[in-house]
PDB file of N, CA and C in Angstrom:
ATOM      1  N   MET A   1       0.829  -1.199   0.000  1.00  0.00           N
ATOM      2  CA  MET A   1       0.000   0.000   0.000  1.00  0.00           C
ATOM      3  C   MET A   1       0.875   1.266   0.000  1.00  0.00           C
ATOM      4  N   ILE A   2       2.059   1.191   0.613  1.00  0.00           N
ATOM      5  CA  ILE A   2       2.926   2.364   0.659  1.00  0.00           C
ATOM      6  C   ILE A   2       3.362   2.785  -0.746  1.00  0.00           C
ATOM      7  N   ILE A   3       3.620   1.825  -1.618  1.00  0.00           N
ATOM      8  CA  ILE A   3       4.026   2.145  -2.987  1.00  0.00           C
ATOM      9  C   ILE A   3       2.903   2.887  -3.709  1.00  0.00           C
ATOM     10  N   PHE A   4       1.677   2.407  -3.558  1.00  0.00           N
ATOM     11  CA  PHE A   4       0.532   3.061  -4.191  1.00  0.00           C
ATOM     12  C   PHE A   4       0.363   4.486  -3.648  1.00  0.00           C
ATOM     13  N   ALA A   5       0.560   4.666  -2.349  1.00  0.00           N
ATOM     14  CA  ALA A   5       0.445   5.995  -1.742  1.00  0.00           C
ATOM     15  C   ALA A   5       1.522   6.932  -2.290  1.00  0.00           C
ATOM     16  N   ILE A   6       2.744   6.440  -2.397  1.00  0.00           N
ATOM     17  CA  ILE A   6       3.843   7.253  -2.930  1.00  0.00           C
ATOM     18  C   ILE A   6       3.571   7.627  -4.383  1.00  0.00           C
ATOM     19  N   VAL A   7       3.097   6.666  -5.161  1.00  0.00           N
ATOM     20  CA  VAL A   7       2.804   6.935  -6.577  1.00  0.00           C
ATOM     21  C   VAL A   7       1.694   7.971  -6.712  1.00  0.00           C
ATOM     22  N   THR A   8       0.636   7.852  -5.908  1.00  0.00           N
ATOM     23  CA  THR A   8      -0.476   8.811  -6.032  1.00  0.00           C
ATOM     24  C   THR A   8      -0.061  10.213  -5.612  1.00  0.00           C
ATOM     25  N   ILE A   9       0.724  10.326  -4.542  1.00  0.00           N
ATOM     26  CA  ILE A   9       1.201  11.644  -4.117  1.00  0.00           C
ATOM     27  C   ILE A   9       2.112  12.233  -5.199  1.00  0.00           C
ATOM     28  N   SER A  10       2.949  11.393  -5.785  1.00  0.00           N
ATOM     29  CA  SER A  10       3.843  11.862  -6.855  1.00  0.00           C
ATOM     30  C   SER A  10       3.059  12.249  -8.107  1.00  0.00           C
ATOM     31  N   MET A  11       1.992  11.539  -8.393  1.00  0.00           N
ATOM     32  CA  MET A  11       1.126  11.913  -9.522  1.00  0.00           C
ATOM     33  C   MET A  11       0.478  13.265  -9.259  1.00  0.00           C
ATOM     34  N   ALA A  12       0.122  13.520  -8.010  1.00  0.00           N
ATOM     35  CA  ALA A  12      -0.416  14.842  -7.659  1.00  0.00           C
ATOM     36  C   ALA A  12       0.605  15.921  -7.979  1.00  0.00           C
ATOM     37  N   LEU A  13       1.858  15.682  -7.625  1.00  0.00           N
ATOM     38  CA  LEU A  13       2.918  16.642  -7.926  1.00  0.00           C
ATOM     39  C   LEU A  13       3.025  16.882  -9.431  1.00  0.00           C
ATOM     40  N   VAL A  14       3.004  15.815 -10.201  1.00  0.00           N
ATOM     41  CA  VAL A  14       3.137  15.935 -11.656  1.00  0.00           C
ATOM     42  C   VAL A  14       1.976  16.730 -12.255  1.00  0.00           C
ATOM     43  N   PHE A  15       0.749  16.327 -11.946  1.00  0.00           N
ATOM     44  CA  PHE A  15      -0.419  16.995 -12.535  1.00  0.00           C
ATOM     45  C   PHE A  15      -0.531  18.452 -12.073  1.00  0.00           C
ATOM     46  N   TYR A  16      -0.317  18.674 -10.785  1.00  0.00           N
ATOM     47  CA  TYR A  16      -0.452  20.023 -10.252  1.00  0.00           C
ATOM     48  C   TYR A  16       0.628  20.945 -10.810  1.00  0.00           C
ATOM     49  N   THR A  17       1.851  20.442 -10.906  1.00  0.00           N
ATOM     50  CA  THR A  17       2.952  21.242 -11.439  1.00  0.00           C
ATOM     51  C   THR A  17       2.722  21.583 -12.909  1.00  0.00           C
ATOM     52  N   ILE A  18       2.309  20.614 -13.691  1.00  0.00           N
ATOM     53  CA  ILE A  18       2.022  20.876 -15.108  1.00  0.00           C
ATOM     54  C   ILE A  18       0.884  21.890 -15.236  1.00  0.00           C
ATOM     55  N   GLY A  19      -0.135  21.744 -14.405  1.00  0.00           N
ATOM     56  CA  GLY A  19      -1.255  22.689 -14.432  1.00  0.00           C
ATOM     57  C   GLY A  19      -0.821  24.106 -14.101  1.00  0.00           C
ATOM     58  N   VAL A  20      -0.021  24.259 -13.049  1.00  0.00           N
ATOM     59  CA  VAL A  20       0.401  25.590 -12.599  1.00  0.00           C
ATOM     60  C   VAL A  20       1.357  26.237 -13.600  1.00  0.00           C
ATOM     61  N   PHE A  21       2.378  25.510 -14.007  1.00  0.00           N
ATOM     62  CA  PHE A  21       3.362  26.127 -14.898  1.00  0.00           C
ATOM     63  C   PHE A  21       2.890  26.156 -16.348  1.00  0.00           C
ATOM     64  N   GLY A  22       2.002  25.249 -16.702  1.00  0.00           N
ATOM     65  CA  GLY A  22       1.378  25.319 -18.022  1.00  0.00           C
ATOM     66  C   GLY A  22       0.521  26.558 -18.151  1.00  0.00           C
ATOM     67  N   GLU A  23      -0.065  26.964 -17.040  1.00  0.00           N
ATOM     68  CA  GLU A  23      -0.871  28.192 -17.005  1.00  0.00           C
ATOM     69  C   GLU A  23      -0.002  29.404 -17.345  1.00  0.00           C
ATOM     70  N   LYS A  24       1.175  29.449 -16.774  1.00  0.00           N
ATOM     71  CA  LYS A  24       2.095  30.563 -17.044  1.00  0.00           C
ATOM     72  C   LYS A  24       2.563  30.525 -18.498  1.00  0.00           C
ATOM     73  N   LEU A  25       2.949  29.354 -18.974  1.00  0.00           N
ATOM     74  CA  LEU A  25       3.467  29.226 -20.337  1.00  0.00           C
ATOM     75  C   LEU A  25       2.407  29.512 -21.399  1.00  0.00           C
ATOM     76  N   SER A  26       1.151  29.207 -21.092  1.00  0.00           N
ATOM     77  CA  SER A  26       0.086  29.429 -22.075  1.00  0.00           C
ATOM     78  C   SER A  26      -0.465  30.849 -22.025  1.00  0.00           C
ATOM     79  N   GLY A  27      -0.001  31.645 -21.070  1.00  0.00           N
ATOM     80  CA  GLY A  27      -0.404  33.046 -21.020  1.00  0.00           C
ATOM     81  C   GLY A  27      -1.663  33.321 -20.221  1.00  0.00           C
ATOM     82  N   GLY A  28      -2.155  32.363 -19.495  1.00  0.00           N
ATOM     83  CA  GLY A  28      -3.337  32.568 -18.660  1.00  0.00           C
ATOM     84  C   GLY A  28      -4.020  31.256 -18.366  1.00  0.00           C
ATOM     85  N   LEU A  29      -4.981  31.303 -17.504  1.00  0.00           N
ATOM     86  CA  LEU A  29      -5.730  30.125 -17.088  1.00  0.00           C
ATOM     87  C   LEU A  29      -6.579  29.591 -18.231  1.00  0.00           C
ATOM     88  N   LYS A  30      -6.443  28.313 -18.504  1.00  0.00           N
ATOM     89  CA  LYS A  30      -7.217  27.635 -19.548  1.00  0.00           C
ATOM     90  C   LYS A  30      -7.973  26.466 -18.918  1.00  0.00           C
ATOM     91  N   SER A  31      -8.926  25.931 -19.659  1.00  0.00           N
ATOM     92  CA  SER A  31      -9.720  24.824 -19.126  1.00  0.00           C
ATOM     93  C   SER A  31      -8.867  23.589 -18.844  1.00  0.00           C
ATOM     94  N   TRP A  32      -7.825  23.357 -19.647  1.00  0.00           N
ATOM     95  CA  TRP A  32      -6.989  22.183 -19.398  1.00  0.00           C
ATOM     96  C   TRP A  32      -6.184  22.344 -18.112  1.00  0.00           C
ATOM     97  N   ASN A  33      -5.838  23.590 -17.729  1.00  0.00           N
ATOM     98  CA  ASN A  33      -5.182  23.816 -16.439  1.00  0.00           C
ATOM     99  C   ASN A  33      -6.125  23.420 -15.308  1.00  0.00           C
ATOM    100  N   LEU A  34      -7.366  23.840 -15.455  1.00  0.00           N
ATOM    101  CA  LEU A  34      -8.374  23.526 -14.453  1.00  0.00           C
ATOM    102  C   LEU A  34      -8.529  22.018 -14.274  1.00  0.00           C
ATOM    103  N   ILE A  35      -8.573  21.292 -15.368  1.00  0.00           N
ATOM    104  CA  ILE A  35      -8.689  19.831 -15.306  1.00  0.00           C
ATOM    105  C   ILE A  35      -7.498  19.242 -14.554  1.00  0.00           C
ATOM    106  N   LEU A  36      -6.303  19.749 -14.835  1.00  0.00           N
ATOM    107  CA  LEU A  36      -5.106  19.246 -14.146  1.00  0.00           C
ATOM    108  C   LEU A  36      -5.127  19.586 -12.657  1.00  0.00           C
ATOM    109  N   PHE A  37      -5.660  20.756 -12.291  1.00  0.00           N
ATOM    110  CA  PHE A  37      -5.786  21.104 -10.871  1.00  0.00           C
ATOM    111  C   PHE A  37      -6.682  20.091 -10.149  1.00  0.00           C
ATOM    112  N   TRP A  38      -7.822  19.769 -10.748  1.00  0.00           N
ATOM    113  CA  TRP A  38      -8.759  18.826 -10.129  1.00  0.00           C
ATOM    114  C   TRP A  38      -8.164  17.417 -10.069  1.00  0.00           C
ATOM    115  N   ILE A  39      -7.451  17.012 -11.124  1.00  0.00           N
ATOM    116  CA  ILE A  39      -6.805  15.690 -11.113  1.00  0.00           C
ATOM    117  C   ILE A  39      -5.717  15.660 -10.027  1.00  0.00           C
ATOM    118  N   GLY A  40      -4.928  16.725  -9.934  1.00  0.00           N
ATOM    119  CA  GLY A  40      -3.906  16.809  -8.885  1.00  0.00           C
ATOM    120  C   GLY A  40      -4.518  16.723  -7.497  1.00  0.00           C
ATOM    121  N   LEU A  41      -5.618  17.419  -7.300  1.00  0.00           N
ATOM    122  CA  LEU A  41      -6.312  17.369  -6.007  1.00  0.00           C
ATOM    123  C   LEU A  41      -6.809  15.957  -5.718  1.00  0.00           C
ATOM    124  N   PHE A  42      -7.347  15.278  -6.716  1.00  0.00           N
ATOM    125  CA  PHE A  42      -7.810  13.895  -6.536  1.00  0.00           C
ATOM    126  C   PHE A  42      -6.654  12.988  -6.091  1.00  0.00           C
ATOM    127  N   PHE A  43      -5.539  13.067  -6.809  1.00  0.00           N
ATOM    128  CA  PHE A  43      -4.396  12.222  -6.459  1.00  0.00           C
ATOM    129  C   PHE A  43      -3.822  12.585  -5.091  1.00  0.00           C
ATOM    130  N   ASP A  44      -3.774  13.872  -4.772  1.00  0.00           N
ATOM    131  CA  ASP A  44      -3.250  14.274  -3.476  1.00  0.00           C
ATOM    132  C   ASP A  44      -4.155  13.792  -2.344  1.00  0.00           C
ATOM    133  N   THR A  45      -5.447  13.929  -2.519  1.00  0.00           N
ATOM    134  CA  THR A  45      -6.392  13.462  -1.503  1.00  0.00           C
ATOM    135  C   THR A  45      -6.285  11.950  -1.319  1.00  0.00           C
ATOM    136  N   THR A  46      -6.235  11.225  -2.429  1.00  0.00           N
ATOM    137  CA  THR A  46      -6.107   9.770  -2.365  1.00  0.00           C
ATOM    138  C   THR A  46      -4.812   9.368  -1.665  1.00  0.00           C
ATOM    139  N   GLY A  47      -3.702   9.970  -2.093  1.00  0.00           N
ATOM    140  CA  GLY A  47      -2.408   9.647  -1.488  1.00  0.00           C
ATOM    141  C   GLY A  47      -2.351  10.009  -0.017  1.00  0.00           C
ATOM    142  N   THR A  48      -2.934  11.144   0.336  1.00  0.00           N
ATOM    143  CA  THR A  48      -2.951  11.573   1.735  1.00  0.00           C
ATOM    144  C   THR A  48      -3.762  10.612   2.592  1.00  0.00           C
ATOM    145  N   LEU A  49      -4.917  10.193   2.086  1.00  0.00           N
ATOM    146  CA  LEU A  49      -5.729   9.230   2.835  1.00  0.00           C
ATOM    147  C   LEU A  49      -4.983   7.908   3.023  1.00  0.00           C
ATOM    148  N   LEU A  50      -4.330   7.449   1.982  1.00  0.00           N
ATOM    149  CA  LEU A  50      -3.550   6.215   2.088  1.00  0.00           C
ATOM    150  C   LEU A  50      -2.403   6.374   3.082  1.00  0.00           C
ATOM    151  N   MET A  51      -1.704   7.485   3.004  1.00  0.00           N
ATOM    152  CA  MET A  51      -0.594   7.732   3.935  1.00  0.00           C
ATOM    153  C   MET A  51      -1.087   7.795   5.378  1.00  0.00           C
ATOM    154  N   SER A  52      -2.255   8.387   5.587  1.00  0.00           N
ATOM    155  CA  SER A  52      -2.779   8.477   6.955  1.00  0.00           C
ATOM    156  C   SER A  52      -3.153   7.101   7.497  1.00  0.00           C
ATOM    157  N   LEU A  53      -3.568   6.186   6.616  1.00  0.00           N
ATOM    158  CA  LEU A  53      -3.866   4.825   7.049  1.00  0.00           C
ATOM    159  C   LEU A  53      -2.590   4.064   7.413  1.00  0.00           C
ATOM    160  N   ILE A  54      -1.515   4.376   6.730  1.00  0.00           N
ATOM    161  CA  ILE A  54      -0.239   3.695   6.938  1.00  0.00           C
ATOM    162  C   ILE A  54       0.521   4.280   8.129  1.00  0.00           C
ATOM    163  N   SER A  55       0.389   5.587   8.338  1.00  0.00           N
ATOM    164  CA  SER A  55       1.183   6.305   9.337  1.00  0.00           C
ATOM    165  C   SER A  55       0.983   5.759  10.736  1.00  0.00           C
ATOM    166  N   LYS A  56       2.083   5.727  11.453  1.00  0.00           N
ATOM    167  CA  LYS A  56       2.049   5.283  12.845  1.00  0.00           C
ATOM    168  C   LYS A  56       2.181   6.455  13.803  1.00  0.00           C
ATOM    169  N   GLN A  57       2.175   7.676  13.273  1.00  0.00           N
ATOM    170  CA  GLN A  57       2.308   8.857  14.110  1.00  0.00           C
ATOM    171  C   GLN A  57       0.972   9.207  14.744  1.00  0.00           C
ATOM    172  N   ASP A  58       1.043   9.541  16.004  1.00  0.00           N
ATOM    173  CA  ASP A  58      -0.141  10.014  16.720  1.00  0.00           C
ATOM    174  C   ASP A  58       0.000  11.512  16.941  1.00  0.00           C
ATOM    175  N   GLY A  59      -1.110  12.180  17.010  1.00  0.00           N
ATOM    176  CA  GLY A  59      -1.074  13.611  17.298  1.00  0.00           C
ATOM    177  C   GLY A  59      -0.906  14.453  16.056  1.00  0.00           C
ATOM    178  N   ILE A  60      -0.829  15.738  16.314  1.00  0.00           N
ATOM    179  CA  ILE A  60      -0.730  16.707  15.224  1.00  0.00           C
ATOM    180  C   ILE A  60       0.739  17.088  15.060  1.00  0.00           C
ATOM    181  N   THR A  61       1.235  16.900  13.856  1.00  0.00           N
ATOM    182  CA  THR A  61       2.621  17.225  13.529  1.00  0.00           C
ATOM    183  C   THR A  61       2.640  18.371  12.523  1.00  0.00           C
ATOM    184  N   LEU A  62       3.831  18.925  12.310  1.00  0.00           N
ATOM    185  CA  LEU A  62       3.994  19.967  11.303  1.00  0.00           C
ATOM    186  C   LEU A  62       3.582  19.440   9.931  1.00  0.00           C
ATOM    187  N   HIS A  63       3.951  18.209   9.643  1.00  0.00           N
ATOM    188  CA  HIS A  63       3.602  17.599   8.357  1.00  0.00           C
ATOM    189  C   HIS A  63       2.079  17.490   8.210  1.00  0.00           C
ATOM    190  N   PHE A  64       1.402  17.105   9.273  1.00  0.00           N
ATOM    191  CA  PHE A  64      -0.064  16.995   9.247  1.00  0.00           C
ATOM    192  C   PHE A  64      -0.703  18.363   9.004  1.00  0.00           C
ATOM    193  N   VAL A  65      -0.243  19.382   9.721  1.00  0.00           N
ATOM    194  CA  VAL A  65      -0.821  20.725   9.613  1.00  0.00           C
ATOM    195  C   VAL A  65      -0.590  21.296   8.213  1.00  0.00           C
ATOM    196  N   THR A  66       0.638  21.191   7.720  1.00  0.00           N
ATOM    197  CA  THR A  66       0.917  21.732   6.384  1.00  0.00           C
ATOM    198  C   THR A  66       0.196  20.933   5.301  1.00  0.00           C
ATOM    199  N   GLY A  67       0.056  19.627   5.512  1.00  0.00           N
ATOM    200  CA  GLY A  67      -0.672  18.792   4.547  1.00  0.00           C
ATOM    201  C   GLY A  67      -2.151  19.145   4.496  1.00  0.00           C
ATOM    202  N   ALA A  68      -2.742  19.341   5.674  1.00  0.00           N
ATOM    203  CA  ALA A  68      -4.159  19.723   5.725  1.00  0.00           C
ATOM    204  C   ALA A  68      -4.365  21.094   5.088  1.00  0.00           C
ATOM    205  N   LEU A  69      -3.474  22.035   5.391  1.00  0.00           N
ATOM    206  CA  LEU A  69      -3.553  23.368   4.796  1.00  0.00           C
ATOM    207  C   LEU A  69      -3.418  23.289   3.277  1.00  0.00           C
ATOM    208  N   ALA A  70      -2.491  22.466   2.814  1.00  0.00           N
ATOM    209  CA  ALA A  70      -2.275  22.323   1.369  1.00  0.00           C
ATOM    210  C   ALA A  70      -3.517  21.758   0.681  1.00  0.00           C
ATOM    211  N   LEU A  71      -4.134  20.745   1.270  1.00  0.00           N
ATOM    212  CA  LEU A  71      -5.354  20.174   0.678  1.00  0.00           C
ATOM    213  C   LEU A  71      -6.481  21.198   0.622  1.00  0.00           C
ATOM    214  N   ILE A  72      -6.645  21.952   1.692  1.00  0.00           N
ATOM    215  CA  ILE A  72      -7.690  22.979   1.718  1.00  0.00           C
ATOM    216  C   ILE A  72      -7.410  24.040   0.654  1.00  0.00           C
ATOM    217  N   LEU A  73      -6.149  24.472   0.561  1.00  0.00           N
ATOM    218  CA  LEU A  73      -5.785  25.472  -0.443  1.00  0.00           C
ATOM    219  C   LEU A  73      -5.955  24.937  -1.863  1.00  0.00           C
ATOM    220  N   MET A  74      -5.602  23.673  -2.088  1.00  0.00           N
ATOM    221  CA  MET A  74      -5.778  23.086  -3.423  1.00  0.00           C
ATOM    222  C   MET A  74      -7.255  23.039  -3.803  1.00  0.00           C
ATOM    223  N   LEU A  75      -8.105  22.687  -2.843  1.00  0.00           N
ATOM    224  CA  LEU A  75      -9.547  22.657  -3.099  1.00  0.00           C
ATOM    225  C   LEU A  75     -10.048  24.065  -3.421  1.00  0.00           C
ATOM    226  N   PHE A  76      -9.636  25.043  -2.620  1.00  0.00           N
ATOM    227  CA  PHE A  76     -10.035  26.426  -2.864  1.00  0.00           C
ATOM    228  C   PHE A  76      -9.503  26.908  -4.213  1.00  0.00           C
ATOM    229  N   HIS A  77      -8.263  26.561  -4.520  1.00  0.00           N
ATOM    230  CA  HIS A  77      -7.622  26.958  -5.776  1.00  0.00           C
ATOM    231  C   HIS A  77      -8.389  26.410  -6.977  1.00  0.00           C
ATOM    232  N   ALA A  78      -8.710  25.127  -6.944  1.00  0.00           N
ATOM    233  CA  ALA A  78      -9.439  24.511  -8.063  1.00  0.00           C
ATOM    234  C   ALA A  78     -10.844  25.105  -8.187  1.00  0.00           C
ATOM    235  N   ALA A  79     -11.496  25.327  -7.052  1.00  0.00           N
ATOM    236  CA  ALA A  79     -12.841  25.917  -7.083  1.00  0.00           C
ATOM    237  C   ALA A  79     -12.789  27.346  -7.619  1.00  0.00           C
ATOM    238  N   TRP A  80     -11.808  28.132  -7.159  1.00  0.00           N
ATOM    239  CA  TRP A  80     -11.672  29.508  -7.622  1.00  0.00           C
ATOM    240  C   TRP A  80     -11.349  29.545  -9.111  1.00  0.00           C
ATOM    241  N   ALA A  81     -10.482  28.641  -9.570  1.00  0.00           N
ATOM    242  CA  ALA A  81     -10.161  28.572 -11.005  1.00  0.00           C
ATOM    243  C   ALA A  81     -11.422  28.267 -11.814  1.00  0.00           C
ATOM    244  N   THR A  82     -12.268  27.407 -11.288  1.00  0.00           N
ATOM    245  CA  THR A  82     -13.532  27.081 -11.958  1.00  0.00           C
ATOM    246  C   THR A  82     -14.398  28.330 -12.091  1.00  0.00           C
ATOM    247  N   ILE A  83     -14.501  29.084 -11.014  1.00  0.00           N
ATOM    248  CA  ILE A  83     -15.306  30.307 -11.026  1.00  0.00           C
ATOM    249  C   ILE A  83     -14.723  31.330 -11.998  1.00  0.00           C
ATOM    250  N   VAL A  84     -13.409  31.491 -11.975  1.00  0.00           N
ATOM    251  CA  VAL A  84     -12.747  32.453 -12.864  1.00  0.00           C
ATOM    252  C   VAL A  84     -13.032  32.106 -14.327  1.00  0.00           C
ATOM    253  N   LEU A  85     -12.935  30.825 -14.666  1.00  0.00           N
ATOM    254  CA  LEU A  85     -13.190  30.427 -16.060  1.00  0.00           C
ATOM    255  C   LEU A  85     -14.665  30.565 -16.434  1.00  0.00           C
ATOM    256  N   ILE A  86     -15.557  30.283 -15.507  1.00  0.00           N
ATOM    257  CA  ILE A  86     -16.992  30.429 -15.791  1.00  0.00           C
ATOM    258  C   ILE A  86     -17.336  31.902 -16.037  1.00  0.00           C
ATOM    259  N   LYS A  87     -16.762  32.793 -15.212  1.00  0.00           N
ATOM    260  CA  LYS A  87     -17.043  34.224 -15.353  1.00  0.00           C
ATOM    261  C   LYS A  87     -16.387  34.829 -16.596  1.00  0.00           C
ATOM    262  N   LYS A  88     -15.334  34.186 -17.094  1.00  0.00           N
ATOM    263  CA  LYS A  88     -14.615  34.637 -18.297  1.00  0.00           C
ATOM    264  C   LYS A  88     -14.101  36.074 -18.171  1.00  0.00           C
ATOM    265  N   ASN A  89     -13.656  36.418 -16.971  1.00  0.00           N
ATOM    266  CA  ASN A  89     -13.071  37.733 -16.733  1.00  0.00           C
ATOM    267  C   ASN A  89     -11.600  37.664 -17.149  1.00  0.00           C
ATOM    268  N   GLU A  90     -11.267  38.300 -18.274  1.00  0.00           N
ATOM    269  CA  GLU A  90      -9.914  38.209 -18.840  1.00  0.00           C
ATOM    270  C   GLU A  90      -8.842  38.696 -17.874  1.00  0.00           C
ATOM    271  N   GLN A  91      -9.132  39.742 -17.134  1.00  0.00           N
ATOM    272  CA  GLN A  91      -8.152  40.262 -16.180  1.00  0.00           C
ATOM    273  C   GLN A  91      -7.865  39.232 -15.082  1.00  0.00           C
ATOM    274  N   MET A  92      -8.898  38.599 -14.562  1.00  0.00           N
ATOM    275  CA  MET A  92      -8.716  37.573 -13.534  1.00  0.00           C
ATOM    276  C   MET A  92      -8.001  36.354 -14.110  1.00  0.00           C
ATOM    277  N   ILE A  93      -8.323  35.979 -15.327  1.00  0.00           N
ATOM    278  CA  ILE A  93      -7.697  34.835 -15.995  1.00  0.00           C
ATOM    279  C   ILE A  93      -6.193  35.070 -16.135  1.00  0.00           C
ATOM    280  N   MET A  94      -5.807  36.288 -16.480  1.00  0.00           N
ATOM    281  CA  MET A  94      -4.395  36.605 -16.690  1.00  0.00           C
ATOM    282  C   MET A  94      -3.621  36.701 -15.371  1.00  0.00           C
ATOM    283  N   LYS A  95      -4.272  37.116 -14.299  1.00  0.00           N
ATOM    284  CA  LYS A  95      -3.600  37.306 -13.009  1.00  0.00           C
ATOM    285  C   LYS A  95      -3.695  36.082 -12.100  1.00  0.00           C
ATOM    286  N   PHE A  96      -4.436  35.091 -12.492  1.00  0.00           N
ATOM    287  CA  PHE A  96      -4.674  33.933 -11.635  1.00  0.00           C
ATOM    288  C   PHE A  96      -3.381  33.194 -11.301  1.00  0.00           C
ATOM    289  N   HIS A  97      -2.401  33.250 -12.178  1.00  0.00           N
ATOM    290  CA  HIS A  97      -1.161  32.495 -11.993  1.00  0.00           C
ATOM    291  C   HIS A  97      -0.435  32.860 -10.705  1.00  0.00           C
ATOM    292  N   ARG A  98      -0.508  34.120 -10.296  1.00  0.00           N
ATOM    293  CA  ARG A  98       0.148  34.511  -9.036  1.00  0.00           C
ATOM    294  C   ARG A  98      -0.393  33.695  -7.872  1.00  0.00           C
ATOM    295  N   PHE A  99      -1.687  33.531  -7.840  1.00  0.00           N
ATOM    296  CA  PHE A  99      -2.323  32.724  -6.787  1.00  0.00           C
ATOM    297  C   PHE A  99      -1.909  31.261  -6.930  1.00  0.00           C
ATOM    298  N   SER A 100      -1.848  30.777  -8.151  1.00  0.00           N
ATOM    299  CA  SER A 100      -1.461  29.384  -8.402  1.00  0.00           C
ATOM    300  C   SER A 100      -0.070  29.087  -7.867  1.00  0.00           C
ATOM    301  N   ILE A 101       0.868  29.986  -8.093  1.00  0.00           N
ATOM    302  CA  ILE A 101       2.248  29.787  -7.633  1.00  0.00           C
ATOM    303  C   ILE A 101       2.299  29.725  -6.111  1.00  0.00           C
ATOM    304  N   VAL A 102       1.579  30.604  -5.439  1.00  0.00           N
ATOM    305  CA  VAL A 102       1.567  30.609  -3.973  1.00  0.00           C
ATOM    306  C   VAL A 102       1.027  29.279  -3.449  1.00  0.00           C
ATOM    307  N   VAL A 103      -0.086  28.821  -3.991  1.00  0.00           N
ATOM    308  CA  VAL A 103      -0.674  27.547  -3.546  1.00  0.00           C
ATOM    309  C   VAL A 103       0.291  26.401  -3.837  1.00  0.00           C
ATOM    310  N   TRP A 104       0.913  26.404  -5.004  1.00  0.00           N
ATOM    311  CA  TRP A 104       1.852  25.343  -5.371  1.00  0.00           C
ATOM    312  C   TRP A 104       3.034  25.311  -4.402  1.00  0.00           C
ATOM    313  N   LEU A 105       3.580  26.488  -4.071  1.00  0.00           N
ATOM    314  CA  LEU A 105       4.710  26.550  -3.137  1.00  0.00           C
ATOM    315  C   LEU A 105       4.320  26.041  -1.753  1.00  0.00           C
ATOM    316  N   ILE A 106       3.132  26.419  -1.288  1.00  0.00           N
ATOM    317  CA  ILE A 106       2.656  25.927   0.011  1.00  0.00           C
ATOM    318  C   ILE A 106       2.462  24.418  -0.053  1.00  0.00           C
ATOM    319  N   TRP A 107       1.953  23.903  -1.178  1.00  0.00           N
ATOM    320  CA  TRP A 107       1.747  22.472  -1.345  1.00  0.00           C
ATOM    321  C   TRP A 107       3.073  21.714  -1.298  1.00  0.00           C
ATOM    322  N   LEU A 108       4.133  22.326  -1.796  1.00  0.00           N
ATOM    323  CA  LEU A 108       5.441  21.664  -1.789  1.00  0.00           C
ATOM    324  C   LEU A 108       5.963  21.391  -0.379  1.00  0.00           C
ATOM    325  N   VAL A 109       5.593  22.194   0.590  1.00  0.00           N
ATOM    326  CA  VAL A 109       6.091  22.016   1.961  1.00  0.00           C
ATOM    327  C   VAL A 109       5.741  20.629   2.506  1.00  0.00           C
ATOM    328  N   PRO A 110       4.462  20.227   2.532  1.00  0.00           N
ATOM    329  CA  PRO A 110       4.193  18.883   3.052  1.00  0.00           C
ATOM    330  C   PRO A 110       4.726  17.777   2.139  1.00  0.00           C
ATOM    331  N   TYR A 111       4.778  18.031   0.834  1.00  0.00           N
ATOM    332  CA  TYR A 111       5.331  17.018  -0.066  1.00  0.00           C
ATOM    333  C   TYR A 111       6.797  16.765   0.289  1.00  0.00           C
ATOM    334  N   LEU A 112       7.560  17.841   0.404  1.00  0.00           N
ATOM    335  CA  LEU A 112       8.995  17.698   0.693  1.00  0.00           C
ATOM    336  C   LEU A 112       9.253  17.208   2.116  1.00  0.00           C
ATOM    337  N   THR A 113       8.469  17.689   3.083  1.00  0.00           N
ATOM    338  CA  THR A 113       8.662  17.188   4.449  1.00  0.00           C
ATOM    339  C   THR A 113       8.320  15.701   4.526  1.00  0.00           C
ATOM    340  N   GLY A 114       7.329  15.274   3.775  1.00  0.00           N
ATOM    341  CA  GLY A 114       6.996  13.848   3.735  1.00  0.00           C
ATOM    342  C   GLY A 114       8.131  13.024   3.158  1.00  0.00           C
ATOM    343  N   VAL A 115       8.755  13.540   2.111  1.00  0.00           N
ATOM    344  CA  VAL A 115       9.895  12.855   1.501  1.00  0.00           C
ATOM    345  C   VAL A 115      11.051  12.789   2.507  1.00  0.00           C
ATOM    346  N   ILE A 116      11.343  13.917   3.146  1.00  0.00           N
ATOM    347  CA  ILE A 116      12.472  13.982   4.093  1.00  0.00           C
ATOM    348  C   ILE A 116      12.219  13.081   5.299  1.00  0.00           C
ATOM    349  N   ILE A 117      11.029  13.100   5.836  1.00  0.00           N
ATOM    350  CA  ILE A 117      10.686  12.285   7.001  1.00  0.00           C
ATOM    351  C   ILE A 117      10.859  10.801   6.701  1.00  0.00           C
ATOM    352  N   ASN A 118      10.530  10.418   5.484  1.00  0.00           N
ATOM    353  CA  ASN A 118      10.521   8.991   5.154  1.00  0.00           C
ATOM    354  C   ASN A 118      11.790   8.475   4.461  1.00  0.00           C
ATOM    355  N   ILE A 119      12.796   9.341   4.354  1.00  0.00           N
ATOM    356  CA  ILE A 119      14.067   8.864   3.764  1.00  0.00           C
ATOM    357  C   ILE A 119      14.819   8.036   4.778  1.00  0.00           C
TER     358      ILE A 119
END
């Protein structure tokens, strides 16, 4: 089960990273970025649930807090991207990437701490 959890968390990294940086390279938020955000969130949620089943840690840790924050931010990010695309506000579409980068950087904290903890 640990291998499946590692693969799903890593797939979240791949999809989310492509979505965020593809947004910058394409010049603004597109529907395919949105799809990648939702897929990344799915894989991250799945991997996180699997990791929590495997984990032997009790209590609230820095990794737990940053992971929970990252999941909440990813959900908000994907939902906000959906709203931005539905409204078709060109100014918001062009500026959305700044928010994407912040969420991506925050998401990297629990990903990297998880890697470091388990090395």
